[in-house]
Protein backbone atom coordinates (compact mmCIF):
# COMPACT_ATOMS: atom_id res chain seq x y z
CA MET A 1 -13.25 15.11 -18.67
CA SER A 2 -12.71 15.94 -14.82
CA SER A 3 -10.38 18.71 -13.76
CA PRO A 4 -6.77 17.68 -12.68
CA SER A 5 -6.39 17.00 -8.95
CA ILE A 6 -2.91 18.63 -8.99
CA GLN A 7 -1.78 21.51 -11.06
CA ALA A 8 1.39 23.35 -10.81
CA HIS A 9 2.63 26.09 -13.16
CA ASN A 10 6.25 27.58 -12.76
CA LEU A 11 6.32 26.60 -9.15
CA VAL A 12 9.51 27.90 -7.45
CA LYS A 13 11.00 27.67 -3.83
CA THR A 14 14.03 29.53 -2.87
CA PHE A 15 15.98 29.64 0.55
CA GLY A 16 18.04 32.89 0.49
CA ASN A 17 20.09 32.76 -2.73
CA PHE A 18 19.51 28.99 -3.22
CA THR A 19 16.78 27.66 -5.40
CA ALA A 20 15.73 24.20 -4.16
CA VAL A 21 12.65 23.73 -6.67
CA LYS A 22 12.85 25.44 -10.15
CA ASN A 23 9.75 26.15 -12.24
CA LEU A 24 7.84 23.07 -11.48
CA ASN A 25 4.99 22.30 -14.00
CA LEU A 26 2.82 19.29 -13.85
CA GLU A 27 -0.75 18.02 -13.84
CA VAL A 28 -1.95 14.93 -12.27
CA GLN A 29 -5.43 13.43 -12.89
CA PRO A 30 -7.96 11.88 -10.38
CA GLY A 31 -7.27 8.20 -9.70
CA GLU A 32 -3.72 8.43 -11.05
CA ILE A 33 -0.71 7.04 -9.41
CA PHE A 34 1.95 9.62 -10.01
CA GLY A 35 5.53 8.85 -9.20
CA PHE A 36 7.70 11.86 -8.12
CA LEU A 37 11.21 10.11 -8.49
CA GLY A 38 14.66 11.52 -7.70
CA ALA A 39 17.70 10.81 -5.60
CA ASN A 40 17.76 11.85 -1.93
CA GLY A 41 18.19 15.61 -1.90
CA ALA A 42 16.72 16.23 -5.39
CA GLY A 43 13.95 18.56 -4.14
CA LYS A 44 11.16 16.19 -4.04
CA THR A 45 10.11 16.80 -0.37
CA THR A 46 10.38 20.47 -0.89
CA ALA A 47 8.02 20.48 -3.81
CA MET A 48 5.58 18.05 -1.93
CA ARG A 49 5.48 20.17 1.09
CA MET A 50 4.44 23.15 -1.20
CA LEU A 51 1.66 21.25 -2.79
CA CYS A 52 0.25 20.00 0.56
CA GLY A 53 0.17 23.74 1.68
CA LEU A 54 2.99 23.24 4.36
CA LEU A 55 5.47 25.45 2.71
CA LYS A 56 4.60 28.59 0.78
CA PRO A 57 5.98 28.93 -2.70
CA SER A 58 8.32 31.74 -3.53
CA SER A 59 6.76 32.13 -6.95
CA GLY A 60 4.45 30.42 -9.32
CA HIS A 61 0.91 28.97 -9.09
CA ALA A 62 -0.44 25.47 -7.92
CA THR A 63 -3.87 24.17 -7.11
CA VAL A 64 -4.54 20.91 -5.23
CA ALA A 65 -8.19 19.70 -5.34
CA GLY A 66 -8.91 22.88 -6.78
CA PHE A 67 -7.64 25.06 -4.10
CA ASN A 68 -4.74 27.51 -4.18
CA VAL A 69 -1.75 26.10 -2.14
CA SER A 70 -0.66 29.69 -1.22
CA THR A 71 -4.03 31.17 -0.35
CA GLN A 72 -6.33 28.34 0.65
CA THR A 73 -4.03 26.01 2.54
CA GLU A 74 -6.89 24.93 5.02
CA HIS A 75 -9.05 23.89 2.22
CA VAL A 76 -6.09 22.00 0.71
CA LYS A 77 -5.31 20.32 4.00
CA LYS A 78 -9.00 19.04 4.50
CA ASN A 79 -9.07 17.32 1.05
CA ILE A 80 -5.60 15.36 1.29
CA GLY A 81 -3.87 12.82 3.27
CA TYR A 82 -0.22 12.89 3.99
CA MET A 83 2.12 10.29 4.90
CA SER A 84 5.58 11.38 5.92
CA GLN A 85 8.86 9.57 5.76
CA LYS A 86 9.07 9.31 9.59
CA PHE A 87 5.39 8.20 9.91
CA SER A 88 3.40 10.59 12.34
CA ILE A 89 2.14 7.93 14.65
CA TYR A 90 2.61 7.30 18.24
CA ASP A 91 4.44 4.31 19.55
CA ASP A 92 3.10 4.50 23.17
CA LEU A 93 -0.52 4.07 21.80
CA THR A 94 -2.22 1.09 20.19
CA LEU A 95 -3.18 1.02 16.74
CA LYS A 96 -6.93 1.50 17.60
CA GLU A 97 -6.00 4.66 19.73
CA ASN A 98 -3.78 6.10 16.98
CA ILE A 99 -6.55 5.88 14.48
CA GLN A 100 -9.12 7.27 16.92
CA LEU A 101 -6.76 10.34 17.73
CA PHE A 102 -6.29 11.13 13.96
CA SER A 103 -9.90 10.54 13.04
CA THR A 104 -10.78 13.23 15.55
CA ILE A 105 -8.23 15.48 14.18
CA TYR A 106 -9.50 15.03 10.61
CA GLY A 107 -13.16 15.90 11.90
CA LEU A 108 -14.75 12.39 11.77
CA THR A 109 -17.55 11.59 14.07
CA SER A 110 -17.40 8.61 16.37
CA ALA A 111 -19.64 6.55 14.25
CA GLN A 112 -17.61 7.42 11.13
CA THR A 113 -14.39 6.42 12.96
CA GLN A 114 -15.68 3.14 13.91
CA GLU A 115 -17.08 2.50 10.40
CA ARG A 116 -13.70 3.51 8.63
CA MET A 117 -11.59 1.75 11.13
CA LYS A 118 -13.57 -1.45 10.49
CA GLN A 119 -13.19 -1.05 6.75
CA LEU A 120 -9.51 -0.39 6.88
CA ALA A 121 -8.70 -3.11 9.33
CA ILE A 122 -10.21 -5.57 6.87
CA GLN A 123 -8.79 -3.94 3.78
CA PHE A 124 -5.10 -3.73 5.38
CA GLU A 125 -5.36 -6.89 7.58
CA LEU A 126 -4.95 -5.00 10.89
CA GLU A 127 -7.89 -6.66 12.72
CA ASP A 128 -5.91 -8.74 15.11
CA LYS A 129 -3.35 -5.88 15.67
CA LEU A 130 -5.63 -3.09 16.77
CA LYS A 131 -5.10 -3.58 20.50
CA ASN A 132 -1.21 -3.79 20.02
CA LEU A 133 1.05 -1.03 20.98
CA VAL A 134 2.61 0.48 17.83
CA SER A 135 6.07 0.09 19.54
CA THR A 136 5.78 -3.65 19.56
CA LEU A 137 5.07 -3.78 15.75
CA PRO A 138 7.61 -4.31 12.92
CA LEU A 139 8.35 -1.54 10.49
CA GLY A 140 5.92 -3.20 7.75
CA TRP A 141 3.03 -2.92 10.08
CA LYS A 142 3.70 0.54 11.21
CA GLN A 143 3.74 1.46 7.60
CA LYS A 144 0.20 0.00 7.01
CA LEU A 145 -0.99 1.95 10.06
CA ALA A 146 0.43 5.17 8.89
CA PHE A 147 -1.14 4.64 5.32
CA SER A 148 -4.55 3.80 6.94
CA ILE A 149 -4.39 7.05 8.97
CA ALA A 150 -3.39 9.10 5.76
CA VAL A 151 -6.65 7.74 4.04
CA ILE A 152 -9.08 7.42 7.07
CA HIS A 153 -10.96 10.50 6.05
CA GLN A 154 -11.36 9.47 2.37
CA PRO A 155 -9.14 12.26 0.94
CA ARG A 156 -9.37 13.14 -2.82
CA ILE A 157 -5.70 13.06 -2.89
CA VAL A 158 -2.98 11.23 -0.68
CA PHE A 159 0.57 12.42 -0.66
CA LEU A 160 3.08 9.56 0.20
CA ASP A 161 6.65 11.04 0.99
CA GLU A 162 9.13 8.19 0.46
CA PRO A 163 6.92 5.73 2.27
CA THR A 164 8.88 2.47 1.57
CA SER A 165 12.16 3.85 2.71
CA GLY A 166 14.01 1.36 4.98
CA VAL A 167 11.61 -1.66 4.23
CA ASP A 168 12.55 -4.82 2.58
CA PRO A 169 11.62 -5.49 -1.14
CA MET A 170 8.55 -8.01 -0.21
CA THR A 171 7.05 -5.22 2.06
CA ARG A 172 7.54 -2.66 -0.58
CA ARG A 173 5.80 -4.68 -3.18
CA GLN A 174 2.85 -5.07 -0.67
CA PHE A 175 2.65 -1.44 0.11
CA TRP A 176 2.34 -0.74 -3.65
CA GLU A 177 -0.60 -3.18 -3.72
CA MET A 178 -2.26 -1.05 -1.10
CA ILE A 179 -1.61 2.10 -3.31
CA ALA A 180 -3.18 0.47 -6.27
CA ASP A 181 -6.22 -0.53 -4.35
CA THR A 182 -6.67 3.07 -3.09
CA ALA A 183 -6.11 4.54 -6.51
CA SER A 184 -8.74 2.03 -7.90
CA THR A 185 -11.39 3.96 -5.88
CA GLY A 186 -10.69 7.34 -7.54
CA THR A 187 -8.19 8.57 -5.11
CA THR A 188 -5.14 10.40 -6.47
CA VAL A 189 -1.93 9.04 -5.24
CA PHE A 190 1.10 11.36 -5.40
CA VAL A 191 4.25 9.36 -4.13
CA THR A 192 7.89 10.42 -3.87
CA THR A 193 10.58 7.74 -3.94
CA HIS A 194 14.28 7.30 -4.84
CA TYR A 195 13.76 3.69 -5.59
CA MET A 196 13.79 3.76 -9.35
CA ASP A 197 12.02 0.26 -9.72
CA GLU A 198 9.01 1.58 -8.10
CA ALA A 199 8.22 3.72 -11.17
CA GLU A 200 6.92 0.59 -12.80
CA TYR A 201 3.95 0.68 -10.48
CA CYS A 202 3.12 4.15 -11.33
CA ASP A 203 0.90 5.48 -14.29
CA ARG A 204 3.06 8.17 -14.94
CA VAL A 205 6.44 9.42 -13.38
CA SER A 206 8.66 12.36 -13.25
CA ILE A 207 12.28 12.35 -12.32
CA MET A 208 13.84 15.40 -10.58
CA VAL A 209 17.60 16.42 -10.74
CA ASP A 210 18.90 19.51 -9.09
CA GLY A 211 15.36 20.82 -8.28
CA GLN A 212 14.01 20.44 -11.74
CA ILE A 213 11.90 17.94 -13.52
CA GLN A 214 13.95 16.50 -16.27
CA VAL A 215 11.51 13.96 -17.69
CA LEU A 216 7.72 13.36 -17.29
CA ASP A 217 5.79 10.54 -18.92
CA THR A 218 4.70 6.86 -18.50
CA PRO A 219 7.63 4.53 -17.44
CA GLN A 220 7.41 2.73 -20.75
CA LYS A 221 7.81 5.94 -22.98
CA ILE A 222 10.52 7.28 -20.71
CA ARG A 223 12.50 4.12 -21.22
CA GLU A 224 11.98 4.18 -24.88
CA GLN A 225 13.09 7.87 -24.85
CA PHE A 226 16.27 6.98 -23.35
CA SER A 227 16.69 3.56 -25.09
CA ALA A 228 17.05 2.19 -21.62
CA GLN A 229 16.16 -1.34 -20.19
CA THR A 230 15.15 0.02 -16.58
CA MET A 231 14.26 3.14 -15.01
CA ASP A 232 17.38 2.93 -13.06
CA ASP A 233 19.35 3.04 -16.12
CA VAL A 234 17.37 6.25 -17.19
CA PHE A 235 18.22 7.90 -13.70
CA SER A 236 21.91 6.97 -14.07
CA LEU A 237 21.94 8.96 -17.48
CA LEU A 238 20.08 11.89 -15.98
CA ALA A 239 22.46 11.84 -12.81
CA ARG A 240 25.44 12.46 -15.07
CA GLN A 241 24.03 15.94 -15.68
CA LYS A 242 23.86 16.85 -12.04
CA LYS A 243 25.63 20.25 -11.20
CA THR A 244 24.57 20.72 -7.64
CA ASN A 245 25.62 18.85 -4.52
CA PRO A 246 22.60 16.85 -3.51
CA LYS A 247 23.15 17.60 0.15
CA GLN A 248 22.26 21.17 -0.75
CA ILE A 249 18.77 20.64 -1.87
CA LEU A 250 15.96 19.99 0.61
């Protein structure tokens, strides 16, 4: 059996006297779609930023792609893709220019860039949009571009931070089809969301409340555990236990 793509043991992040993430423990396997669920302000983004090597943990231990997130951040970053809530793409460049720019940042050669651009354009139906300015595209197409850039260098793990926020249900469904296709190649997908219905597309999910994981399992087993019809029902039950104002948690 292969080693986990992501491991975290008692991972903690504090800001002054406030603890945003409390004793995070989890393992995520290669090729798994892992849903990191919770309401806005539950601590999801802070936890993800630690796992991406963008934020140093206050205590605890974590490895991503086999590298320590505290001491080997550059190795971590080379082996992951990251798609933020606000899509790190440039509106005043074309899709092709954005892809070329980020390919250079990721260290791809010109030949590799052309090959990956061709593959991704076909896979995500971007062929006839490559010469368009990003600013002229609807949100759904920008979303496709941002995802393409996150996986352009074929990372072992891709982190998606609330990637479907603000888009319509049909576009959300199409995006999850892209996620499934990517995971089928062996890439681990770690995705945060506050849409409880998206849990059904994941192999396993965790639900954070007040900076802590309250439950972690497959969607079906979680529903059974709480005798609930939907994941939204489960979240409603967990939310009643909240103690902290969600605006306080990053």
